[in-house]
């Protein structure tokens, strides 16, 4: 069965951790939150403000997380522009 395509934005924290932010995935009916995923902690809520406050991760930085999401979690991802 084909899973739906999920839009994702990859951002990087100053410490080097990459976060996948799912802007179209509401979290707990709170418009300021959306779904996210990190290698440590995995799925959780993220403030939408992280999209603007964190630097975009480049493809080399987010490649391991993208692979984990696609190959192990089962997402079909559409990576949104780093300028989102």
PDB file of N, CA and C in Angstrom:
ATOM      1  N   UNK A   1       0.840  -1.183   0.000  1.00  0.00           N
ATOM      2  CA  UNK A   1       0.000   0.000   0.000  1.00  0.00           C
ATOM      3  C   UNK A   1       0.887   1.249   0.000  1.00  0.00           C
ATOM      4  N   UNK A   2       0.533   2.242  -0.781  1.00  0.00           N
ATOM      5  CA  UNK A   2       1.292   3.482  -0.831  1.00  0.00           C
ATOM      6  C   UNK A   2       0.863   4.410   0.288  1.00  0.00           C
ATOM      7  N   UNK A   3       1.829   4.811   1.072  1.00  0.00           N
ATOM      8  CA  UNK A   3       1.574   5.778   2.129  1.00  0.00           C
ATOM      9  C   UNK A   3       1.443   7.164   1.494  1.00  0.00           C
ATOM     10  N   UNK A   4       0.665   8.065   2.130  1.00  0.00           N
ATOM     11  CA  UNK A   4       0.588   9.421   1.592  1.00  0.00           C
ATOM     12  C   UNK A   4       1.928  10.140   1.715  1.00  0.00           C
ATOM     13  N   UNK A   5       2.129  11.097   0.836  1.00  0.00           N
ATOM     14  CA  UNK A   5       3.339  11.909   0.890  1.00  0.00           C
ATOM     15  C   UNK A   5       3.202  12.898   2.043  1.00  0.00           C
ATOM     16  N   UNK A   6       4.256  13.004   2.834  1.00  0.00           N
ATOM     17  CA  UNK A   6       4.279  13.888   3.988  1.00  0.00           C
ATOM     18  C   UNK A   6       5.285  14.999   3.724  1.00  0.00           C
ATOM     19  N   UNK A   7       4.839  16.240   3.884  1.00  0.00           N
ATOM     20  CA  UNK A   7       5.732  17.384   3.715  1.00  0.00           C
ATOM     21  C   UNK A   7       6.605  17.523   4.955  1.00  0.00           C
ATOM     22  N   UNK A   8       7.898  17.791   4.734  1.00  0.00           N
ATOM     23  CA  UNK A   8       8.848  17.894   5.840  1.00  0.00           C
ATOM     24  C   UNK A   8       9.814  19.048   5.594  1.00  0.00           C
ATOM     25  N   UNK A   9      10.209  19.668   6.686  1.00  0.00           N
ATOM     26  CA  UNK A   9      11.224  20.722   6.673  1.00  0.00           C
ATOM     27  C   UNK A   9      12.311  20.274   7.637  1.00  0.00           C
ATOM     28  N   UNK A  10      13.550  20.280   7.190  1.00  0.00           N
ATOM     29  CA  UNK A  10      14.661  19.899   8.060  1.00  0.00           C
ATOM     30  C   UNK A  10      15.375  21.154   8.553  1.00  0.00           C
ATOM     31  N   UNK A  11      15.546  21.233   9.863  1.00  0.00           N
ATOM     32  CA  UNK A  11      16.262  22.341  10.488  1.00  0.00           C
ATOM     33  C   UNK A  11      17.352  21.767  11.389  1.00  0.00           C
ATOM     34  N   UNK A  12      18.338  22.600  11.707  1.00  0.00           N
ATOM     35  CA  UNK A  12      19.454  22.141  12.531  1.00  0.00           C
ATOM     36  C   UNK A  12      19.633  23.083  13.726  1.00  0.00           C
ATOM     37  N   UNK A  13      19.779  22.480  14.898  1.00  0.00           N
ATOM     38  CA  UNK A  13      20.046  23.228  16.120  1.00  0.00           C
ATOM     39  C   UNK A  13      21.516  23.630  16.152  1.00  0.00           C
ATOM     40  N   UNK A  14      21.852  24.684  16.892  1.00  0.00           N
ATOM     41  CA  UNK A  14      23.256  25.110  16.980  1.00  0.00           C
ATOM     42  C   UNK A  14      24.207  24.003  17.430  1.00  0.00           C
ATOM     43  N   UNK A  15      23.707  23.061  18.226  1.00  0.00           N
ATOM     44  CA  UNK A  15      24.537  21.955  18.709  1.00  0.00           C
ATOM     45  C   UNK A  15      24.760  20.888  17.644  1.00  0.00           C
ATOM     46  N   UNK A  16      24.034  20.977  16.516  1.00  0.00           N
ATOM     47  CA  UNK A  16      24.221  20.038  15.420  1.00  0.00           C
ATOM     48  C   UNK A  16      23.121  19.003  15.257  1.00  0.00           C
ATOM     49  N   UNK A  17      22.163  18.938  16.183  1.00  0.00           N
ATOM     50  CA  UNK A  17      21.061  17.989  16.047  1.00  0.00           C
ATOM     51  C   UNK A  17      20.083  18.469  14.976  1.00  0.00           C
ATOM     52  N   UNK A  18      19.638  17.536  14.137  1.00  0.00           N
ATOM     53  CA  UNK A  18      18.698  17.857  13.064  1.00  0.00           C
ATOM     54  C   UNK A  18      17.298  17.439  13.502  1.00  0.00           C
ATOM     55  N   UNK A  19      16.321  18.288  13.173  1.00  0.00           N
ATOM     56  CA  UNK A  19      14.923  17.995  13.462  1.00  0.00           C
ATOM     57  C   UNK A  19      14.137  18.006  12.158  1.00  0.00           C
ATOM     58  N   UNK A  20      13.240  17.041  12.018  1.00  0.00           N
ATOM     59  CA  UNK A  20      12.293  17.006  10.914  1.00  0.00           C
ATOM     60  C   UNK A  20      11.000  17.613  11.440  1.00  0.00           C
ATOM     61  N   UNK A  21      10.539  18.667  10.793  1.00  0.00           N
ATOM     62  CA  UNK A  21       9.312  19.345  11.194  1.00  0.00           C
ATOM     63  C   UNK A  21       8.268  19.079  10.126  1.00  0.00           C
ATOM     64  N   UNK A  22       7.089  18.627  10.563  1.00  0.00           N
ATOM     65  CA  UNK A  22       5.986  18.308   9.657  1.00  0.00           C
ATOM     66  C   UNK A  22       4.944  19.423   9.776  1.00  0.00           C
ATOM     67  N   UNK A  23       5.031  20.472   8.941  1.00  0.00           N
ATOM     68  CA  UNK A  23       4.172  21.643   9.118  1.00  0.00           C
ATOM     69  C   UNK A  23       2.691  21.378   8.910  1.00  0.00           C
ATOM     70  N   UNK A  24       2.351  20.333   8.182  1.00  0.00           N
ATOM     71  CA  UNK A  24       0.942  20.020   7.922  1.00  0.00           C
ATOM     72  C   UNK A  24       0.403  18.936   8.849  1.00  0.00           C
ATOM     73  N   UNK A  25       1.141  18.631   9.916  1.00  0.00           N
ATOM     74  CA  UNK A  25       0.741  17.597  10.860  1.00  0.00           C
ATOM     75  C   UNK A  25       0.411  18.275  12.202  1.00  0.00           C
ATOM     76  N   UNK A  26      -0.879  18.609  12.416  1.00  0.00           N
ATOM     77  CA  UNK A  26      -1.254  19.274  13.663  1.00  0.00           C
ATOM     78  C   UNK A  26      -0.900  18.415  14.877  1.00  0.00           C
ATOM     79  N   UNK A  27      -0.686  19.094  15.990  1.00  0.00           N
ATOM     80  CA  UNK A  27      -0.351  18.381  17.228  1.00  0.00           C
ATOM     81  C   UNK A  27      -1.258  18.875  18.343  1.00  0.00           C
ATOM     82  N   UNK A  28      -2.058  17.981  18.885  1.00  0.00           N
ATOM     83  CA  UNK A  28      -2.948  18.264  20.025  1.00  0.00           C
ATOM     84  C   UNK A  28      -3.845  19.473  19.813  1.00  0.00           C
ATOM     85  N   UNK A  29      -4.308  19.686  18.599  1.00  0.00           N
ATOM     86  CA  UNK A  29      -5.247  20.772  18.295  1.00  0.00           C
ATOM     87  C   UNK A  29      -4.717  22.143  18.692  1.00  0.00           C
ATOM     88  N   UNK A  30      -3.410  22.297  18.794  1.00  0.00           N
ATOM     89  CA  UNK A  30      -2.786  23.568  19.135  1.00  0.00           C
ATOM     90  C   UNK A  30      -2.148  24.120  17.863  1.00  0.00           C
ATOM     91  N   UNK A  31      -2.659  25.236  17.333  1.00  0.00           N
ATOM     92  CA  UNK A  31      -2.136  25.755  16.067  1.00  0.00           C
ATOM     93  C   UNK A  31      -0.675  26.204  16.125  1.00  0.00           C
ATOM     94  N   UNK A  32      -0.125  26.394  17.315  1.00  0.00           N
ATOM     95  CA  UNK A  32       1.279  26.808  17.404  1.00  0.00           C
ATOM     96  C   UNK A  32       2.221  25.606  17.371  1.00  0.00           C
ATOM     97  N   UNK A  33       1.660  24.386  17.396  1.00  0.00           N
ATOM     98  CA  UNK A  33       2.472  23.169  17.406  1.00  0.00           C
ATOM     99  C   UNK A  33       2.224  22.341  16.158  1.00  0.00           C
ATOM    100  N   UNK A  34       3.226  21.583  15.771  1.00  0.00           N
ATOM    101  CA  UNK A  34       3.076  20.613  14.693  1.00  0.00           C
ATOM    102  C   UNK A  34       3.912  19.396  15.046  1.00  0.00           C
ATOM    103  N   UNK A  35       3.784  18.354  14.267  1.00  0.00           N
ATOM    104  CA  UNK A  35       4.545  17.140  14.503  1.00  0.00           C
ATOM    105  C   UNK A  35       6.008  17.317  14.146  1.00  0.00           C
ATOM    106  N   UNK A  36       6.837  16.522  14.800  1.00  0.00           N
ATOM    107  CA  UNK A  36       8.273  16.562  14.517  1.00  0.00           C
ATOM    108  C   UNK A  36       8.866  15.189  14.795  1.00  0.00           C
ATOM    109  N   UNK A  37      10.132  15.039  14.400  1.00  0.00           N
ATOM    110  CA  UNK A  37      10.845  13.784  14.630  1.00  0.00           C
ATOM    111  C   UNK A  37      12.329  14.097  14.747  1.00  0.00           C
ATOM    112  N   UNK A  38      12.944  13.503  15.767  1.00  0.00           N
ATOM    113  CA  UNK A  38      14.398  13.575  15.928  1.00  0.00           C
ATOM    114  C   UNK A  38      14.885  12.163  16.220  1.00  0.00           C
ATOM    115  N   UNK A  39      16.146  11.899  15.927  1.00  0.00           N
ATOM    116  CA  UNK A  39      16.693  10.556  16.135  1.00  0.00           C
ATOM    117  C   UNK A  39      16.582  10.154  17.605  1.00  0.00           C
ATOM    118  N   UNK A  40      16.854  11.084  18.509  1.00  0.00           N
ATOM    119  CA  UNK A  40      16.688  10.827  19.944  1.00  0.00           C
ATOM    120  C   UNK A  40      15.349  11.419  20.333  1.00  0.00           C
ATOM    121  N   UNK A  41      14.475  10.623  20.887  1.00  0.00           N
ATOM    122  CA  UNK A  41      13.159  11.116  21.265  1.00  0.00           C
ATOM    123  C   UNK A  41      12.087  10.786  20.248  1.00  0.00           C
ATOM    124  N   UNK A  42      12.448  10.679  19.024  1.00  0.00           N
ATOM    125  CA  UNK A  42      11.595  10.321  17.909  1.00  0.00           C
ATOM    126  C   UNK A  42      10.415  11.279  17.752  1.00  0.00           C
ATOM    127  N   UNK A  43       9.171  10.787  17.650  1.00  0.00           N
ATOM    128  CA  UNK A  43       8.031  11.664  17.377  1.00  0.00           C
ATOM    129  C   UNK A  43       7.685  12.531  18.581  1.00  0.00           C
ATOM    130  N   UNK A  44       7.276  13.757  18.288  1.00  0.00           N
ATOM    131  CA  UNK A  44       6.842  14.664  19.346  1.00  0.00           C
ATOM    132  C   UNK A  44       6.314  15.948  18.749  1.00  0.00           C
ATOM    133  N   UNK A  45       6.002  16.887  19.632  1.00  0.00           N
ATOM    134  CA  UNK A  45       5.515  18.196  19.212  1.00  0.00           C
ATOM    135  C   UNK A  45       6.691  19.127  18.990  1.00  0.00           C
ATOM    136  N   UNK A  46       6.488  20.089  18.105  1.00  0.00           N
ATOM    137  CA  UNK A  46       7.483  21.146  17.883  1.00  0.00           C
ATOM    138  C   UNK A  46       6.739  22.455  17.699  1.00  0.00           C
ATOM    139  N   UNK A  47       7.325  23.499  18.191  1.00  0.00           N
ATOM    140  CA  UNK A  47       6.782  24.826  17.955  1.00  0.00           C
ATOM    141  C   UNK A  47       7.022  25.194  16.493  1.00  0.00           C
ATOM    142  N   UNK A  48       6.009  25.717  15.863  1.00  0.00           N
ATOM    143  CA  UNK A  48       6.157  26.150  14.466  1.00  0.00           C
ATOM    144  C   UNK A  48       7.214  27.243  14.339  1.00  0.00           C
ATOM    145  N   UNK A  49       7.494  27.939  15.427  1.00  0.00           N
ATOM    146  CA  UNK A  49       8.490  29.016  15.390  1.00  0.00           C
ATOM    147  C   UNK A  49       9.898  28.484  15.085  1.00  0.00           C
ATOM    148  N   UNK A  50      10.126  27.185  15.294  1.00  0.00           N
ATOM    149  CA  UNK A  50      11.438  26.607  14.979  1.00  0.00           C
ATOM    150  C   UNK A  50      11.761  26.713  13.490  1.00  0.00           C
ATOM    151  N   UNK A  51      10.737  26.728  12.657  1.00  0.00           N
ATOM    152  CA  UNK A  51      10.953  26.812  11.211  1.00  0.00           C
ATOM    153  C   UNK A  51      11.698  28.098  10.872  1.00  0.00           C
ATOM    154  N   UNK A  52      11.352  29.160  11.542  1.00  0.00           N
ATOM    155  CA  UNK A  52      11.985  30.450  11.269  1.00  0.00           C
ATOM    156  C   UNK A  52      13.220  30.705  12.131  1.00  0.00           C
ATOM    157  N   UNK A  53      13.240  30.148  13.329  1.00  0.00           N
ATOM    158  CA  UNK A  53      14.340  30.482  14.241  1.00  0.00           C
ATOM    159  C   UNK A  53      15.591  29.614  14.057  1.00  0.00           C
ATOM    160  N   UNK A  54      15.435  28.419  13.478  1.00  0.00           N
ATOM    161  CA  UNK A  54      16.592  27.549  13.253  1.00  0.00           C
ATOM    162  C   UNK A  54      17.068  27.657  11.812  1.00  0.00           C
ATOM    163  N   UNK A  55      18.338  27.378  11.615  1.00  0.00           N
ATOM    164  CA  UNK A  55      18.916  27.373  10.275  1.00  0.00           C
ATOM    165  C   UNK A  55      18.451  26.128   9.508  1.00  0.00           C
ATOM    166  N   UNK A  56      18.277  26.251   8.199  1.00  0.00           N
ATOM    167  CA  UNK A  56      17.969  25.063   7.398  1.00  0.00           C
ATOM    168  C   UNK A  56      19.128  24.073   7.466  1.00  0.00           C
ATOM    169  N   UNK A  57      18.799  22.807   7.516  1.00  0.00           N
ATOM    170  CA  UNK A  57      19.814  21.752   7.418  1.00  0.00           C
ATOM    171  C   UNK A  57      20.056  21.483   5.940  1.00  0.00           C
ATOM    172  N   UNK A  58      21.310  21.274   5.579  1.00  0.00           N
ATOM    173  CA  UNK A  58      21.593  20.966   4.172  1.00  0.00           C
ATOM    174  C   UNK A  58      21.404  19.461   3.945  1.00  0.00           C
ATOM    175  N   UNK A  59      21.326  19.020   2.692  1.00  0.00           N
ATOM    176  CA  UNK A  59      21.061  17.604   2.414  1.00  0.00           C
ATOM    177  C   UNK A  59      22.034  16.638   3.101  1.00  0.00           C
ATOM    178  N   UNK A  60      23.296  16.992   3.190  1.00  0.00           N
ATOM    179  CA  UNK A  60      24.252  16.096   3.864  1.00  0.00           C
ATOM    180  C   UNK A  60      23.943  16.003   5.360  1.00  0.00           C
ATOM    181  N   UNK A  61      23.492  17.094   5.947  1.00  0.00           N
ATOM    182  CA  UNK A  61      23.182  17.096   7.385  1.00  0.00           C
ATOM    183  C   UNK A  61      21.910  16.312   7.694  1.00  0.00           C
ATOM    184  N   UNK A  62      20.902  16.419   6.832  1.00  0.00           N
ATOM    185  CA  UNK A  62      19.650  15.735   7.133  1.00  0.00           C
ATOM    186  C   UNK A  62      19.525  14.346   6.513  1.00  0.00           C
ATOM    187  N   UNK A  63      20.476  13.940   5.698  1.00  0.00           N
ATOM    188  CA  UNK A  63      20.392  12.632   5.024  1.00  0.00           C
ATOM    189  C   UNK A  63      20.161  11.464   5.974  1.00  0.00           C
ATOM    190  N   UNK A  64      20.897  11.342   7.105  1.00  0.00           N
ATOM    191  CA  UNK A  64      20.645  10.197   7.988  1.00  0.00           C
ATOM    192  C   UNK A  64      19.228  10.188   8.569  1.00  0.00           C
ATOM    193  N   UNK A  65      18.717  11.363   8.921  1.00  0.00           N
ATOM    194  CA  UNK A  65      17.365  11.433   9.480  1.00  0.00           C
ATOM    195  C   UNK A  65      16.327  11.132   8.405  1.00  0.00           C
ATOM    196  N   UNK A  66      16.538  11.629   7.214  1.00  0.00           N
ATOM    197  CA  UNK A  66      15.618  11.348   6.097  1.00  0.00           C
ATOM    198  C   UNK A  66      15.584   9.857   5.806  1.00  0.00           C
ATOM    199  N   UNK A  67      16.741   9.221   5.791  1.00  0.00           N
ATOM    200  CA  UNK A  67      16.808   7.780   5.563  1.00  0.00           C
ATOM    201  C   UNK A  67      16.059   7.021   6.652  1.00  0.00           C
ATOM    202  N   UNK A  68      16.250   7.413   7.896  1.00  0.00           N
ATOM    203  CA  UNK A  68      15.546   6.762   9.009  1.00  0.00           C
ATOM    204  C   UNK A  68      14.035   6.903   8.836  1.00  0.00           C
ATOM    205  N   UNK A  69      13.585   8.101   8.499  1.00  0.00           N
ATOM    206  CA  UNK A  69      12.148   8.331   8.341  1.00  0.00           C
ATOM    207  C   UNK A  69      11.562   7.528   7.186  1.00  0.00           C
ATOM    208  N   UNK A  70      12.295   7.425   6.096  1.00  0.00           N
ATOM    209  CA  UNK A  70      11.780   6.710   4.927  1.00  0.00           C
ATOM    210  C   UNK A  70      11.931   5.195   5.057  1.00  0.00           C
ATOM    211  N   UNK A  71      13.105   4.746   5.460  1.00  0.00           N
ATOM    212  CA  UNK A  71      13.381   3.312   5.434  1.00  0.00           C
ATOM    213  C   UNK A  71      12.896   2.563   6.671  1.00  0.00           C
ATOM    214  N   UNK A  72      12.902   3.213   7.818  1.00  0.00           N
ATOM    215  CA  UNK A  72      12.550   2.510   9.054  1.00  0.00           C
ATOM    216  C   UNK A  72      11.180   2.898   9.602  1.00  0.00           C
ATOM    217  N   UNK A  73      10.801   4.159   9.440  1.00  0.00           N
ATOM    218  CA  UNK A  73       9.498   4.594   9.937  1.00  0.00           C
ATOM    219  C   UNK A  73       8.430   4.400   8.869  1.00  0.00           C
ATOM    220  N   UNK A  74       8.812   4.525   7.593  1.00  0.00           N
ATOM    221  CA  UNK A  74       7.884   4.255   6.507  1.00  0.00           C
ATOM    222  C   UNK A  74       7.261   5.483   5.853  1.00  0.00           C
ATOM    223  N   UNK A  75       7.783   6.660   6.123  1.00  0.00           N
ATOM    224  CA  UNK A  75       7.269   7.871   5.494  1.00  0.00           C
ATOM    225  C   UNK A  75       7.658   7.940   4.026  1.00  0.00           C
ATOM    226  N   UNK A  76       6.782   8.548   3.229  1.00  0.00           N
ATOM    227  CA  UNK A  76       7.111   9.010   1.875  1.00  0.00           C
ATOM    228  C   UNK A  76       7.208  10.515   2.006  1.00  0.00           C
ATOM    229  N   UNK A  77       8.412  11.053   1.887  1.00  0.00           N
ATOM    230  CA  UNK A  77       8.645  12.458   2.204  1.00  0.00           C
ATOM    231  C   UNK A  77       8.733  13.343   0.972  1.00  0.00           C
ATOM    232  N   UNK A  78       8.257  14.562   1.138  1.00  0.00           N
ATOM    233  CA  UNK A  78       8.495  15.644   0.185  1.00  0.00           C
ATOM    234  C   UNK A  78       9.190  16.745   0.964  1.00  0.00           C
ATOM    235  N   UNK A  79      10.467  16.926   0.698  1.00  0.00           N
ATOM    236  CA  UNK A  79      11.254  17.931   1.408  1.00  0.00           C
ATOM    237  C   UNK A  79      10.908  19.303   0.852  1.00  0.00           C
ATOM    238  N   UNK A  80      10.475  20.192   1.755  1.00  0.00           N
ATOM    239  CA  UNK A  80      10.129  21.550   1.359  1.00  0.00           C
ATOM    240  C   UNK A  80      11.381  22.414   1.320  1.00  0.00           C
ATOM    241  N   UNK A  81      11.300  23.463   0.577  1.00  0.00           N
ATOM    242  CA  UNK A  81      12.409  24.393   0.404  1.00  0.00           C
ATOM    243  C   UNK A  81      12.972  24.858   1.738  1.00  0.00           C
ATOM    244  N   UNK A  82      14.261  25.054   1.771  1.00  0.00           N
ATOM    245  CA  UNK A  82      14.906  25.533   2.995  1.00  0.00           C
ATOM    246  C   UNK A  82      14.461  26.950   3.319  1.00  0.00           C
ATOM    247  N   UNK A  83      13.874  27.649   2.366  1.00  0.00           N
ATOM    248  CA  UNK A  83      13.406  29.015   2.613  1.00  0.00           C
ATOM    249  C   UNK A  83      11.963  29.056   3.087  1.00  0.00           C
ATOM    250  N   UNK A  84      11.378  27.938   3.385  1.00  0.00           N
ATOM    251  CA  UNK A  84       9.967  27.833   3.796  1.00  0.00           C
ATOM    252  C   UNK A  84       9.638  28.803   4.897  1.00  0.00           C
TER     253      UNK A  84
END
